[in-house]
Amino acid sequence: MFERTGLRRDPASQKHAVIDTSRNGRGSWHPPIGKYSDAEVWCNPPDRGLGRRPTLESGNPYVDAFLWIKIPGESDGECHRGRGGPADPERSLTAPAAGSWFAQQARELIEFANPPMTED
């Protein structure tokens, strides 16, 4: 991006980043416009996939690693999306407590992984 504007940066003098790719295989979740008063887009986002596998080889001088910081399948807790609950209206179920295993979400993350999960 900077190169397109003509700016040059020295990677050695710039801040570096670690990117959490544990839920970004399909990008961010965008709820239907106007459906929720608070969509809680961060809370157990539906139909997301695992992203790049953890690695220290990012191919980018400013990115030190891609990591799965959020444990795949770990629930964010109950998500009411501004509707008061108890069920998540996107999933039609009450999610497990924060930090608990959420099998449905783990299956989604594997099913929609990008790059796809393989049996190597």
PDB file of N, CA and C in Angstrom:
ATOM      1  N   MET A   1       0.823  -1.181   0.000  1.00  0.00           N
ATOM      2  CA  MET A   1       0.000   0.000   0.000  1.00  0.00           C
ATOM      3  C   MET A   1       0.873   1.252   0.000  1.00  0.00           C
ATOM      4  N   PHE A   2       1.882   1.282   0.850  1.00  0.00           N
ATOM      5  CA  PHE A   2       2.735   2.461   0.917  1.00  0.00           C
ATOM      6  C   PHE A   2       3.477   2.687  -0.388  1.00  0.00           C
ATOM      7  N   GLU A   3       3.906   1.609  -1.023  1.00  0.00           N
ATOM      8  CA  GLU A   3       4.647   1.747  -2.270  1.00  0.00           C
ATOM      9  C   GLU A   3       3.806   2.403  -3.361  1.00  0.00           C
ATOM     10  N   ARG A   4       2.514   2.131  -3.373  1.00  0.00           N
ATOM     11  CA  ARG A   4       1.640   2.756  -4.380  1.00  0.00           C
ATOM     12  C   ARG A   4       1.587   4.265  -4.217  1.00  0.00           C
ATOM     13  N   THR A   5       1.787   4.748  -2.994  1.00  0.00           N
ATOM     14  CA  THR A   5       1.741   6.190  -2.748  1.00  0.00           C
ATOM     15  C   THR A   5       3.110   6.839  -2.888  1.00  0.00           C
ATOM     16  N   GLY A   6       4.125   6.017  -3.151  1.00  0.00           N
ATOM     17  CA  GLY A   6       5.465   6.549  -3.303  1.00  0.00           C
ATOM     18  C   GLY A   6       6.255   6.630  -2.010  1.00  0.00           C
ATOM     19  N   LEU A   7       5.662   6.203  -0.888  1.00  0.00           N
ATOM     20  CA  LEU A   7       6.363   6.221   0.396  1.00  0.00           C
ATOM     21  C   LEU A   7       7.248   4.978   0.516  1.00  0.00           C
ATOM     22  N   ARG A   8       8.399   5.135   1.104  1.00  0.00           N
ATOM     23  CA  ARG A   8       9.316   4.020   1.324  1.00  0.00           C
ATOM     24  C   ARG A   8       9.551   3.892   2.829  1.00  0.00           C
ATOM     25  N   ARG A   9       9.553   2.651   3.296  1.00  0.00           N
ATOM     26  CA  ARG A   9       9.809   2.408   4.713  1.00  0.00           C
ATOM     27  C   ARG A   9      10.927   1.392   4.850  1.00  0.00           C
ATOM     28  N   ASP A  10      11.677   1.514   5.917  1.00  0.00           N
ATOM     29  CA  ASP A  10      12.725   0.563   6.241  1.00  0.00           C
ATOM     30  C   ASP A  10      12.150  -0.432   7.251  1.00  0.00           C
ATOM     31  N   PRO A  11      11.992  -1.703   6.865  1.00  0.00           N
ATOM     32  CA  PRO A  11      11.401  -2.690   7.781  1.00  0.00           C
ATOM     33  C   PRO A  11      12.104  -2.764   9.140  1.00  0.00           C
ATOM     34  N   ALA A  12      13.400  -2.541   9.178  1.00  0.00           N
ATOM     35  CA  ALA A  12      14.135  -2.631  10.439  1.00  0.00           C
ATOM     36  C   ALA A  12      13.737  -1.534  11.425  1.00  0.00           C
ATOM     37  N   SER A  13      13.230  -0.408  10.933  1.00  0.00           N
ATOM     38  CA  SER A  13      12.875   0.695  11.828  1.00  0.00           C
ATOM     39  C   SER A  13      11.366   0.803  12.064  1.00  0.00           C
ATOM     40  N   GLN A  14      10.593  -0.090  11.509  1.00  0.00           N
ATOM     41  CA  GLN A  14       9.131  -0.041  11.636  1.00  0.00           C
ATOM     42  C   GLN A  14       8.621  -1.018  12.687  1.00  0.00           C
ATOM     43  N   LYS A  15       7.466  -0.725  13.219  1.00  0.00           N
ATOM     44  CA  LYS A  15       6.782  -1.654  14.107  1.00  0.00           C
ATOM     45  C   LYS A  15       6.391  -2.885  13.313  1.00  0.00           C
ATOM     46  N   HIS A  16       6.387  -4.014  13.963  1.00  0.00           N
ATOM     47  CA  HIS A  16       6.005  -5.268  13.319  1.00  0.00           C
ATOM     48  C   HIS A  16       4.694  -5.760  13.917  1.00  0.00           C
ATOM     49  N   ALA A  17       4.115  -6.745  13.274  1.00  0.00           N
ATOM     50  CA  ALA A  17       2.812  -7.257  13.703  1.00  0.00           C
ATOM     51  C   ALA A  17       2.816  -8.781  13.734  1.00  0.00           C
ATOM     52  N   VAL A  18       1.956  -9.315  14.556  1.00  0.00           N
ATOM     53  CA  VAL A  18       1.582 -10.724  14.562  1.00  0.00           C
ATOM     54  C   VAL A  18       0.090 -10.717  14.258  1.00  0.00           C
ATOM     55  N   ILE A  19      -0.343 -11.534  13.317  1.00  0.00           N
ATOM     56  CA  ILE A  19      -1.743 -11.520  12.896  1.00  0.00           C
ATOM     57  C   ILE A  19      -2.427 -12.812  13.319  1.00  0.00           C
ATOM     58  N   ASP A  20      -3.565 -12.658  14.007  1.00  0.00           N
ATOM     59  CA  ASP A  20      -4.378 -13.801  14.422  1.00  0.00           C
ATOM     60  C   ASP A  20      -5.227 -14.238  13.243  1.00  0.00           C
ATOM     61  N   THR A  21      -4.978 -15.431  12.736  1.00  0.00           N
ATOM     62  CA  THR A  21      -5.714 -15.943  11.578  1.00  0.00           C
ATOM     63  C   THR A  21      -6.652 -17.079  11.963  1.00  0.00           C
ATOM     64  N   SER A  22      -7.009 -17.164  13.252  1.00  0.00           N
ATOM     65  CA  SER A  22      -7.823 -18.293  13.719  1.00  0.00           C
ATOM     66  C   SER A  22      -9.281 -18.243  13.265  1.00  0.00           C
ATOM     67  N   ARG A  23      -9.738 -17.107  12.764  1.00  0.00           N
ATOM     68  CA  ARG A  23     -11.137 -17.008  12.323  1.00  0.00           C
ATOM     69  C   ARG A  23     -11.290 -16.189  11.050  1.00  0.00           C
ATOM     70  N   ASN A  24     -10.230 -15.954  10.329  1.00  0.00           N
ATOM     71  CA  ASN A  24     -10.352 -15.029   9.210  1.00  0.00           C
ATOM     72  C   ASN A  24     -10.262 -15.688   7.835  1.00  0.00           C
ATOM     73  N   GLY A  25     -10.452 -16.988   7.768  1.00  0.00           N
ATOM     74  CA  GLY A  25     -10.380 -17.665   6.476  1.00  0.00           C
ATOM     75  C   GLY A  25     -11.427 -17.199   5.478  1.00  0.00           C
ATOM     76  N   ARG A  26     -12.513 -16.653   5.965  1.00  0.00           N
ATOM     77  CA  ARG A  26     -13.557 -16.112   5.093  1.00  0.00           C
ATOM     78  C   ARG A  26     -13.752 -14.624   5.337  1.00  0.00           C
ATOM     79  N   GLY A  27     -12.797 -14.004   6.000  1.00  0.00           N
ATOM     80  CA  GLY A  27     -12.921 -12.586   6.301  1.00  0.00           C
ATOM     81  C   GLY A  27     -13.844 -12.331   7.475  1.00  0.00           C
ATOM     82  N   SER A  28     -14.158 -11.078   7.676  1.00  0.00           N
ATOM     83  CA  SER A  28     -15.031 -10.684   8.784  1.00  0.00           C
ATOM     84  C   SER A  28     -16.475 -11.053   8.489  1.00  0.00           C
ATOM     85  N   TRP A  29     -17.218 -11.281   9.569  1.00  0.00           N
ATOM     86  CA  TRP A  29     -18.649 -11.540   9.423  1.00  0.00           C
ATOM     87  C   TRP A  29     -19.369 -10.208   9.284  1.00  0.00           C
ATOM     88  N   HIS A  30     -20.231 -10.105   8.288  1.00  0.00           N
ATOM     89  CA  HIS A  30     -21.042  -8.908   8.064  1.00  0.00           C
ATOM     90  C   HIS A  30     -22.511  -9.297   8.224  1.00  0.00           C
ATOM     91  N   PRO A  31     -23.111  -8.924   9.357  1.00  0.00           N
ATOM     92  CA  PRO A  31     -24.511  -9.277   9.586  1.00  0.00           C
ATOM     93  C   PRO A  31     -25.421  -8.547   8.606  1.00  0.00           C
ATOM     94  N   PRO A  32     -26.621  -9.070   8.422  1.00  0.00           N
ATOM     95  CA  PRO A  32     -27.583  -8.369   7.561  1.00  0.00           C
ATOM     96  C   PRO A  32     -27.814  -6.945   8.074  1.00  0.00           C
ATOM     97  N   ILE A  33     -27.786  -5.991   7.180  1.00  0.00           N
ATOM     98  CA  ILE A  33     -27.947  -4.580   7.549  1.00  0.00           C
ATOM     99  C   ILE A  33     -29.311  -4.354   8.195  1.00  0.00           C
ATOM    100  N   GLY A  34     -29.271  -3.719   9.373  1.00  0.00           N
ATOM    101  CA  GLY A  34     -30.490  -3.353  10.070  1.00  0.00           C
ATOM    102  C   GLY A  34     -31.176  -4.471  10.838  1.00  0.00           C
ATOM    103  N   LYS A  35     -30.606  -5.674  10.832  1.00  0.00           N
ATOM    104  CA  LYS A  35     -31.260  -6.801  11.507  1.00  0.00           C
ATOM    105  C   LYS A  35     -31.087  -6.752  13.024  1.00  0.00           C
ATOM    106  N   TYR A  36     -29.940  -6.269  13.489  1.00  0.00           N
ATOM    107  CA  TYR A  36     -29.642  -6.280  14.926  1.00  0.00           C
ATOM    108  C   TYR A  36     -29.283  -4.893  15.417  1.00  0.00           C
ATOM    109  N   SER A  37     -29.696  -4.574  16.651  1.00  0.00           N
ATOM    110  CA  SER A  37     -29.297  -3.295  17.241  1.00  0.00           C
ATOM    111  C   SER A  37     -27.824  -3.340  17.651  1.00  0.00           C
ATOM    112  N   ASP A  38     -27.333  -4.514  17.993  1.00  0.00           N
ATOM    113  CA  ASP A  38     -25.912  -4.741  18.299  1.00  0.00           C
ATOM    114  C   ASP A  38     -25.582  -6.140  17.817  1.00  0.00           C
ATOM    115  N   ALA A  39     -25.003  -6.248  16.646  1.00  0.00           N
ATOM    116  CA  ALA A  39     -24.751  -7.556  16.033  1.00  0.00           C
ATOM    117  C   ALA A  39     -23.648  -8.345  16.722  1.00  0.00           C
ATOM    118  N   GLU A  40     -22.890  -7.706  17.623  1.00  0.00           N
ATOM    119  CA  GLU A  40     -21.784  -8.401  18.302  1.00  0.00           C
ATOM    120  C   GLU A  40     -20.953  -9.196  17.286  1.00  0.00           C
ATOM    121  N   VAL A  41     -20.419  -8.519  16.281  1.00  0.00           N
ATOM    122  CA  VAL A  41     -19.699  -9.196  15.202  1.00  0.00           C
ATOM    123  C   VAL A  41     -18.497  -9.987  15.706  1.00  0.00           C
ATOM    124  N   TRP A  42     -17.990  -9.682  16.867  1.00  0.00           N
ATOM    125  CA  TRP A  42     -16.845 -10.368  17.465  1.00  0.00           C
ATOM    126  C   TRP A  42     -17.258 -11.662  18.162  1.00  0.00           C
ATOM    127  N   CYS A  43     -18.518 -11.819  18.480  1.00  0.00           N
ATOM    128  CA  CYS A  43     -18.987 -12.905  19.342  1.00  0.00           C
ATOM    129  C   CYS A  43     -19.404 -14.132  18.540  1.00  0.00           C
ATOM    130  N   ASN A  44     -18.586 -15.171  18.598  1.00  0.00           N
ATOM    131  CA  ASN A  44     -18.861 -16.422  17.874  1.00  0.00           C
ATOM    132  C   ASN A  44     -19.396 -16.129  16.473  1.00  0.00           C
ATOM    133  N   PRO A  45     -18.633 -15.417  15.662  1.00  0.00           N
ATOM    134  CA  PRO A  45     -19.143 -15.060  14.333  1.00  0.00           C
ATOM    135  C   PRO A  45     -19.475 -16.307  13.521  1.00  0.00           C
ATOM    136  N   PRO A  46     -20.668 -16.356  12.935  1.00  0.00           N
ATOM    137  CA  PRO A  46     -21.090 -17.555  12.210  1.00  0.00           C
ATOM    138  C   PRO A  46     -20.412 -17.704  10.853  1.00  0.00           C
ATOM    139  N   ASP A  47     -20.291 -18.944  10.429  1.00  0.00           N
ATOM    140  CA  ASP A  47     -19.792 -19.286   9.090  1.00  0.00           C
ATOM    141  C   ASP A  47     -18.411 -18.708   8.789  1.00  0.00           C
ATOM    142  N   ARG A  48     -17.565 -18.637   9.776  1.00  0.00           N
ATOM    143  CA  ARG A  48     -16.174 -18.203   9.570  1.00  0.00           C
ATOM    144  C   ARG A  48     -15.324 -19.458   9.386  1.00  0.00           C
ATOM    145  N   GLY A  49     -14.122 -19.285   8.920  1.00  0.00           N
ATOM    146  CA  GLY A  49     -13.212 -20.405   8.714  1.00  0.00           C
ATOM    147  C   GLY A  49     -11.833 -20.100   9.251  1.00  0.00           C
ATOM    148  N   LEU A  50     -11.100 -21.160   9.551  1.00  0.00           N
ATOM    149  CA  LEU A  50      -9.703 -20.981   9.920  1.00  0.00           C
ATOM    150  C   LEU A  50      -8.969 -20.323   8.759  1.00  0.00           C
ATOM    151  N   GLY A  51      -8.024 -19.465   9.075  1.00  0.00           N
ATOM    152  CA  GLY A  51      -7.239 -18.799   8.048  1.00  0.00           C
ATOM    153  C   GLY A  51      -5.884 -19.463   7.889  1.00  0.00           C
ATOM    154  N   ARG A  52      -4.913 -18.678   7.492  1.00  0.00           N
ATOM    155  CA  ARG A  52      -3.565 -19.210   7.277  1.00  0.00           C
ATOM    156  C   ARG A  52      -3.102 -20.004   8.481  1.00  0.00           C
ATOM    157  N   ARG A  53      -2.386 -21.070   8.223  1.00  0.00           N
ATOM    158  CA  ARG A  53      -1.840 -21.896   9.299  1.00  0.00           C
ATOM    159  C   ARG A  53      -0.778 -21.100  10.059  1.00  0.00           C
ATOM    160  N   PRO A  54      -0.625 -21.397  11.343  1.00  0.00           N
ATOM    161  CA  PRO A  54       0.405 -20.701  12.109  1.00  0.00           C
ATOM    162  C   PRO A  54       1.787 -20.893  11.477  1.00  0.00           C
ATOM    163  N   THR A  55       2.505 -19.787  11.355  1.00  0.00           N
ATOM    164  CA  THR A  55       3.837 -19.828  10.766  1.00  0.00           C
ATOM    165  C   THR A  55       4.606 -18.570  11.134  1.00  0.00           C
ATOM    166  N   LEU A  56       5.921 -18.710  11.165  1.00  0.00           N
ATOM    167  CA  LEU A  56       6.802 -17.556  11.325  1.00  0.00           C
ATOM    168  C   LEU A  56       7.276 -17.052   9.973  1.00  0.00           C
ATOM    169  N   GLU A  57       6.876 -17.729   8.912  1.00  0.00           N
ATOM    170  CA  GLU A  57       7.256 -17.366   7.541  1.00  0.00           C
ATOM    171  C   GLU A  57       6.086 -16.629   6.894  1.00  0.00           C
ATOM    172  N   SER A  58       5.994 -15.336   7.114  1.00  0.00           N
ATOM    173  CA  SER A  58       4.856 -14.573   6.617  1.00  0.00           C
ATOM    174  C   SER A  58       5.041 -14.087   5.185  1.00  0.00           C
ATOM    175  N   GLY A  59       6.287 -13.953   4.765  1.00  0.00           N
ATOM    176  CA  GLY A  59       6.536 -13.385   3.444  1.00  0.00           C
ATOM    177  C   GLY A  59       6.385 -11.876   3.415  1.00  0.00           C
ATOM    178  N   ASN A  60       6.206 -11.267   4.569  1.00  0.00           N
ATOM    179  CA  ASN A  60       6.028  -9.822   4.666  1.00  0.00           C
ATOM    180  C   ASN A  60       7.016  -9.292   5.704  1.00  0.00           C
ATOM    181  N   PRO A  61       7.840  -8.303   5.371  1.00  0.00           N
ATOM    182  CA  PRO A  61       8.849  -7.832   6.324  1.00  0.00           C
ATOM    183  C   PRO A  61       8.266  -7.187   7.579  1.00  0.00           C
ATOM    184  N   TYR A  62       6.996  -6.811   7.563  1.00  0.00           N
ATOM    185  CA  TYR A  62       6.371  -6.169   8.717  1.00  0.00           C
ATOM    186  C   TYR A  62       5.528  -7.133   9.553  1.00  0.00           C
ATOM    187  N   VAL A  63       5.327  -8.345   9.064  1.00  0.00           N
ATOM    188  CA  VAL A  63       4.519  -9.338   9.780  1.00  0.00           C
ATOM    189  C   VAL A  63       5.452 -10.446  10.265  1.00  0.00           C
ATOM    190  N   ASP A  64       5.598 -10.557  11.581  1.00  0.00           N
ATOM    191  CA  ASP A  64       6.508 -11.547  12.156  1.00  0.00           C
ATOM    192  C   ASP A  64       5.913 -12.949  12.184  1.00  0.00           C
ATOM    193  N   ALA A  65       4.598 -13.050  12.235  1.00  0.00           N
ATOM    194  CA  ALA A  65       3.995 -14.383  12.298  1.00  0.00           C
ATOM    195  C   ALA A  65       2.503 -14.311  12.021  1.00  0.00           C
ATOM    196  N   PHE A  66       1.965 -15.422  11.542  1.00  0.00           N
ATOM    197  CA  PHE A  66       0.534 -15.674  11.513  1.00  0.00           C
ATOM    198  C   PHE A  66       0.299 -16.744  12.580  1.00  0.00           C
ATOM    199  N   LEU A  67      -0.596 -16.470  13.517  1.00  0.00           N
ATOM    200  CA  LEU A  67      -0.841 -17.391  14.627  1.00  0.00           C
ATOM    201  C   LEU A  67      -2.327 -17.597  14.835  1.00  0.00           C
ATOM    202  N   TRP A  68      -2.701 -18.722  15.415  1.00  0.00           N
ATOM    203  CA  TRP A  68      -4.072 -18.950  15.855  1.00  0.00           C
ATOM    204  C   TRP A  68      -4.099 -18.584  17.333  1.00  0.00           C
ATOM    205  N   ILE A  69      -4.294 -17.315  17.628  1.00  0.00           N
ATOM    206  CA  ILE A  69      -4.272 -16.839  19.005  1.00  0.00           C
ATOM    207  C   ILE A  69      -5.560 -17.240  19.717  1.00  0.00           C
ATOM    208  N   LYS A  70      -6.684 -17.030  19.073  1.00  0.00           N
ATOM    209  CA  LYS A  70      -7.965 -17.492  19.620  1.00  0.00           C
ATOM    210  C   LYS A  70      -8.028 -18.990  19.336  1.00  0.00           C
ATOM    211  N   ILE A  71      -8.186 -19.783  20.351  1.00  0.00           N
ATOM    212  CA  ILE A  71      -8.218 -21.240  20.182  1.00  0.00           C
ATOM    213  C   ILE A  71      -9.422 -21.623  19.330  1.00  0.00           C
ATOM    214  N   PRO A  72      -9.203 -22.271  18.187  1.00  0.00           N
ATOM    215  CA  PRO A  72     -10.336 -22.685  17.339  1.00  0.00           C
ATOM    216  C   PRO A  72     -11.314 -23.566  18.118  1.00  0.00           C
ATOM    217  N   GLY A  73     -12.579 -23.172  18.109  1.00  0.00           N
ATOM    218  CA  GLY A  73     -13.612 -23.922  18.818  1.00  0.00           C
ATOM    219  C   GLY A  73     -13.885 -23.428  20.220  1.00  0.00           C
ATOM    220  N   GLU A  74     -13.177 -22.418  20.668  1.00  0.00           N
ATOM    221  CA  GLU A  74     -13.408 -21.854  21.994  1.00  0.00           C
ATOM    222  C   GLU A  74     -14.508 -20.797  21.906  1.00  0.00           C
ATOM    223  N   SER A  75     -15.539 -20.957  22.697  1.00  0.00           N
ATOM    224  CA  SER A  75     -16.691 -20.046  22.666  1.00  0.00           C
ATOM    225  C   SER A  75     -16.346 -18.678  23.248  1.00  0.00           C
ATOM    226  N   ASP A  76     -16.979 -17.652  22.678  1.00  0.00           N
ATOM    227  CA  ASP A  76     -16.885 -16.306  23.236  1.00  0.00           C
ATOM    228  C   ASP A  76     -17.955 -16.085  24.305  1.00  0.00           C
ATOM    229  N   GLY A  77     -18.826 -17.055  24.480  1.00  0.00           N
ATOM    230  CA  GLY A  77     -19.924 -16.932  25.438  1.00  0.00           C
ATOM    231  C   GLY A  77     -21.242 -16.762  24.715  1.00  0.00           C
ATOM    232  N   GLU A  78     -22.274 -16.440  25.458  1.00  0.00           N
ATOM    233  CA  GLU A  78     -23.594 -16.256  24.865  1.00  0.00           C
ATOM    234  C   GLU A  78     -23.606 -14.970  24.033  1.00  0.00           C
ATOM    235  N   CYS A  79     -24.140 -15.063  22.838  1.00  0.00           N
ATOM    236  CA  CYS A  79     -24.232 -13.922  21.930  1.00  0.00           C
ATOM    237  C   CYS A  79     -25.712 -13.661  21.662  1.00  0.00           C
ATOM    238  N   HIS A  80     -26.191 -12.511  22.064  1.00  0.00           N
ATOM    239  CA  HIS A  80     -27.620 -12.204  21.919  1.00  0.00           C
ATOM    240  C   HIS A  80     -27.907 -11.280  20.750  1.00  0.00           C
ATOM    241  N   ARG A  81     -26.879 -10.644  20.225  1.00  0.00           N
ATOM    242  CA  ARG A  81     -26.964  -9.765  19.062  1.00  0.00           C
ATOM    243  C   ARG A  81     -28.039  -8.677  19.241  1.00  0.00           C
ATOM    244  N   GLY A  82     -28.122  -8.177  20.480  1.00  0.00           N
ATOM    245  CA  GLY A  82     -29.048  -7.095  20.779  1.00  0.00           C
ATOM    246  C   GLY A  82     -30.485  -7.537  20.950  1.00  0.00           C
ATOM    247  N   ARG A  83     -30.718  -8.837  21.013  1.00  0.00           N
ATOM    248  CA  ARG A  83     -32.087  -9.356  21.110  1.00  0.00           C
ATOM    249  C   ARG A  83     -32.445  -9.873  22.502  1.00  0.00           C
ATOM    250  N   GLY A  84     -31.520  -9.852  23.433  1.00  0.00           N
ATOM    251  CA  GLY A  84     -31.834 -10.237  24.807  1.00  0.00           C
ATOM    252  C   GLY A  84     -31.666 -11.706  25.136  1.00  0.00           C
ATOM    253  N   GLY A  85     -31.514 -12.554  24.158  1.00  0.00           N
ATOM    254  CA  GLY A  85     -31.222 -13.974  24.394  1.00  0.00           C
ATOM    255  C   GLY A  85     -32.400 -14.774  24.865  1.00  0.00           C
ATOM    256  N   PRO A  86     -32.202 -15.971  25.346  1.00  0.00           N
ATOM    257  CA  PRO A  86     -30.888 -16.541  25.619  1.00  0.00           C
ATOM    258  C   PRO A  86     -30.187 -17.089  24.362  1.00  0.00           C
ATOM    259  N   ALA A  87     -30.931 -17.378  23.303  1.00  0.00           N
ATOM    260  CA  ALA A  87     -30.315 -17.984  22.123  1.00  0.00           C
ATOM    261  C   ALA A  87     -29.714 -16.924  21.201  1.00  0.00           C
ATOM    262  N   ASP A  88     -28.676 -17.333  20.495  1.00  0.00           N
ATOM    263  CA  ASP A  88     -28.076 -16.508  19.445  1.00  0.00           C
ATOM    264  C   ASP A  88     -29.001 -16.617  18.238  1.00  0.00           C
ATOM    265  N   PRO A  89     -29.607 -15.516  17.778  1.00  0.00           N
ATOM    266  CA  PRO A  89     -30.542 -15.608  16.659  1.00  0.00           C
ATOM    267  C   PRO A  89     -29.894 -16.041  15.344  1.00  0.00           C
ATOM    268  N   GLU A  90     -28.578 -15.916  15.207  1.00  0.00           N
ATOM    269  CA  GLU A  90     -27.900 -16.380  13.992  1.00  0.00           C
ATOM    270  C   GLU A  90     -27.713 -17.885  13.999  1.00  0.00           C
ATOM    271  N   ARG A  91     -27.640 -18.477  15.169  1.00  0.00           N
ATOM    272  CA  ARG A  91     -27.377 -19.910  15.291  1.00  0.00           C
ATOM    273  C   ARG A  91     -28.582 -20.698  15.819  1.00  0.00           C
ATOM    274  N   SER A  92     -29.568 -19.996  16.340  1.00  0.00           N
ATOM    275  CA  SER A  92     -30.752 -20.636  16.936  1.00  0.00           C
ATOM    276  C   SER A  92     -30.373 -21.598  18.055  1.00  0.00           C
ATOM    277  N   LEU A  93     -29.381 -21.208  18.838  1.00  0.00           N
ATOM    278  CA  LEU A  93     -28.994 -21.982  20.018  1.00  0.00           C
ATOM    279  C   LEU A  93     -28.292 -21.065  21.004  1.00  0.00           C
ATOM    280  N   THR A  94     -28.203 -21.519  22.254  1.00  0.00           N
ATOM    281  CA  THR A  94     -27.470 -20.791  23.277  1.00  0.00           C
ATOM    282  C   THR A  94     -26.042 -21.312  23.270  1.00  0.00           C
ATOM    283  N   ALA A  95     -25.107 -20.445  23.012  1.00  0.00           N
ATOM    284  CA  ALA A  95     -23.700 -20.848  22.941  1.00  0.00           C
ATOM    285  C   ALA A  95     -23.181 -21.214  24.326  1.00  0.00           C
ATOM    286  N   PRO A  96     -22.160 -22.059  24.370  1.00  0.00           N
ATOM    287  CA  PRO A  96     -21.541 -22.396  25.659  1.00  0.00           C
ATOM    288  C   PRO A  96     -20.901 -21.172  26.307  1.00  0.00           C
ATOM    289  N   ALA A  97     -20.622 -21.269  27.593  1.00  0.00           N
ATOM    290  CA  ALA A  97     -19.975 -20.186  28.336  1.00  0.00           C
ATOM    291  C   ALA A  97     -18.630 -19.842  27.693  1.00  0.00           C
ATOM    292  N   ALA A  98     -18.206 -18.617  27.873  1.00  0.00           N
ATOM    293  CA  ALA A  98     -16.922 -18.169  27.327  1.00  0.00           C
ATOM    294  C   ALA A  98     -15.800 -19.096  27.773  1.00  0.00           C
ATOM    295  N   GLY A  99     -14.961 -19.469  26.824  1.00  0.00           N
ATOM    296  CA  GLY A  99     -13.833 -20.345  27.109  1.00  0.00           C
ATOM    297  C   GLY A  99     -14.147 -21.821  27.004  1.00  0.00           C
ATOM    298  N   SER A 100     -15.425 -22.163  26.879  1.00  0.00           N
ATOM    299  CA  SER A 100     -15.829 -23.568  26.771  1.00  0.00           C
ATOM    300  C   SER A 100     -15.754 -24.041  25.323  1.00  0.00           C
ATOM    301  N   TRP A 101     -15.704 -25.342  25.149  1.00  0.00           N
ATOM    302  CA  TRP A 101     -15.667 -25.951  23.820  1.00  0.00           C
ATOM    303  C   TRP A 101     -17.001 -25.733  23.129  1.00  0.00           C
ATOM    304  N   PHE A 102     -16.964 -25.305  21.867  1.00  0.00           N
ATOM    305  CA  PHE A 102     -18.150 -25.023  21.067  1.00  0.00           C
ATOM    306  C   PHE A 102     -18.024 -25.848  19.782  1.00  0.00           C
ATOM    307  N   ALA A 103     -18.533 -27.064  19.826  1.00  0.00           N
ATOM    308  CA  ALA A 103     -18.350 -28.023  18.729  1.00  0.00           C
ATOM    309  C   ALA A 103     -18.870 -27.486  17.395  1.00  0.00           C
ATOM    310  N   GLN A 104     -20.047 -26.856  17.381  1.00  0.00           N
ATOM    311  CA  GLN A 104     -20.592 -26.353  16.127  1.00  0.00           C
ATOM    312  C   GLN A 104     -19.657 -25.322  15.496  1.00  0.00           C
ATOM    313  N   GLN A 105     -19.125 -24.441  16.295  1.00  0.00           N
ATOM    314  CA  GLN A 105     -18.215 -23.434  15.754  1.00  0.00           C
ATOM    315  C   GLN A 105     -16.918 -24.081  15.259  1.00  0.00           C
ATOM    316  N   ALA A 106     -16.410 -25.060  15.987  1.00  0.00           N
ATOM    317  CA  ALA A 106     -15.190 -25.759  15.552  1.00  0.00           C
ATOM    318  C   ALA A 106     -15.421 -26.414  14.186  1.00  0.00           C
ATOM    319  N   ARG A 107     -16.586 -27.043  13.998  1.00  0.00           N
ATOM    320  CA  ARG A 107     -16.906 -27.661  12.693  1.00  0.00           C
ATOM    321  C   ARG A 107     -16.946 -26.614  11.584  1.00  0.00           C
ATOM    322  N   GLU A 108     -17.547 -25.460  11.862  1.00  0.00           N
ATOM    323  CA  GLU A 108     -17.598 -24.385  10.866  1.00  0.00           C
ATOM    324  C   GLU A 108     -16.197 -23.914  10.499  1.00  0.00           C
ATOM    325  N   LEU A 109     -15.349 -23.717  11.500  1.00  0.00           N
ATOM    326  CA  LEU A 109     -14.003 -23.229  11.243  1.00  0.00           C
ATOM    327  C   LEU A 109     -13.225 -24.196  10.349  1.00  0.00           C
ATOM    328  N   ILE A 110     -13.442 -25.480  10.537  1.00  0.00           N
ATOM    329  CA  ILE A 110     -12.776 -26.491   9.697  1.00  0.00           C
ATOM    330  C   ILE A 110     -13.425 -26.531   8.319  1.00  0.00           C
ATOM    331  N   GLU A 111     -14.753 -26.566   8.277  1.00  0.00           N
ATOM    332  CA  GLU A 111     -15.469 -26.660   7.002  1.00  0.00           C
ATOM    333  C   GLU A 111     -15.158 -25.485   6.072  1.00  0.00           C
ATOM    334  N   PHE A 112     -15.063 -24.287   6.631  1.00  0.00           N
ATOM    335  CA  PHE A 112     -14.883 -23.084   5.823  1.00  0.00           C
ATOM    336  C   PHE A 112     -13.442 -22.575   5.822  1.00  0.00           C
ATOM    337  N   ALA A 113     -12.494 -23.406   6.249  1.00  0.00           N
ATOM    338  CA  ALA A 113     -11.101 -22.990   6.310  1.00  0.00           C
ATOM    339  C   ALA A 113     -10.590 -22.561   4.932  1.00  0.00           C
ATOM    340  N   ASN A 114      -9.742 -21.522   4.954  1.00  0.00           N
ATOM    341  CA  ASN A 114      -9.120 -21.047   3.728  1.00  0.00           C
ATOM    342  C   ASN A 114      -7.690 -20.627   4.056  1.00  0.00           C
ATOM    343  N   PRO A 115      -6.701 -21.442   3.682  1.00  0.00           N
ATOM    344  CA  PRO A 115      -6.789 -22.586   2.768  1.00  0.00           C
ATOM    345  C   PRO A 115      -7.493 -23.771   3.450  1.00  0.00           C
ATOM    346  N   PRO A 116      -8.069 -24.663   2.613  1.00  0.00           N
ATOM    347  CA  PRO A 116      -8.818 -25.801   3.161  1.00  0.00           C
ATOM    348  C   PRO A 116      -7.938 -26.696   4.043  1.00  0.00           C
ATOM    349  N   MET A 117      -8.577 -27.301   5.021  1.00  0.00           N
ATOM    350  CA  MET A 117      -7.894 -28.277   5.870  1.00  0.00           C
ATOM    351  C   MET A 117      -7.738 -29.555   5.059  1.00  0.00           C
ATOM    352  N   THR A 118      -6.591 -30.180   5.174  1.00  0.00           N
ATOM    353  CA  THR A 118      -6.339 -31.442   4.471  1.00  0.00           C
ATOM    354  C   THR A 118      -5.912 -32.496   5.475  1.00  0.00           C
ATOM    355  N   GLU A 119      -5.907 -33.717   5.033  1.00  0.00           N
ATOM    356  CA  GLU A 119      -5.503 -34.827   5.903  1.00  0.00           C
ATOM    357  C   GLU A 119      -4.049 -35.205   5.670  1.00  0.00           C
ATOM    358  N   ASP A 120      -3.169 -34.230   5.590  1.00  0.00           N
ATOM    359  CA  ASP A 120      -1.739 -34.501   5.365  1.00  0.00           C
ATOM    360  C   ASP A 120      -1.117 -35.255   6.509  1.00  0.00           C
TER     361      ASP A 120
END
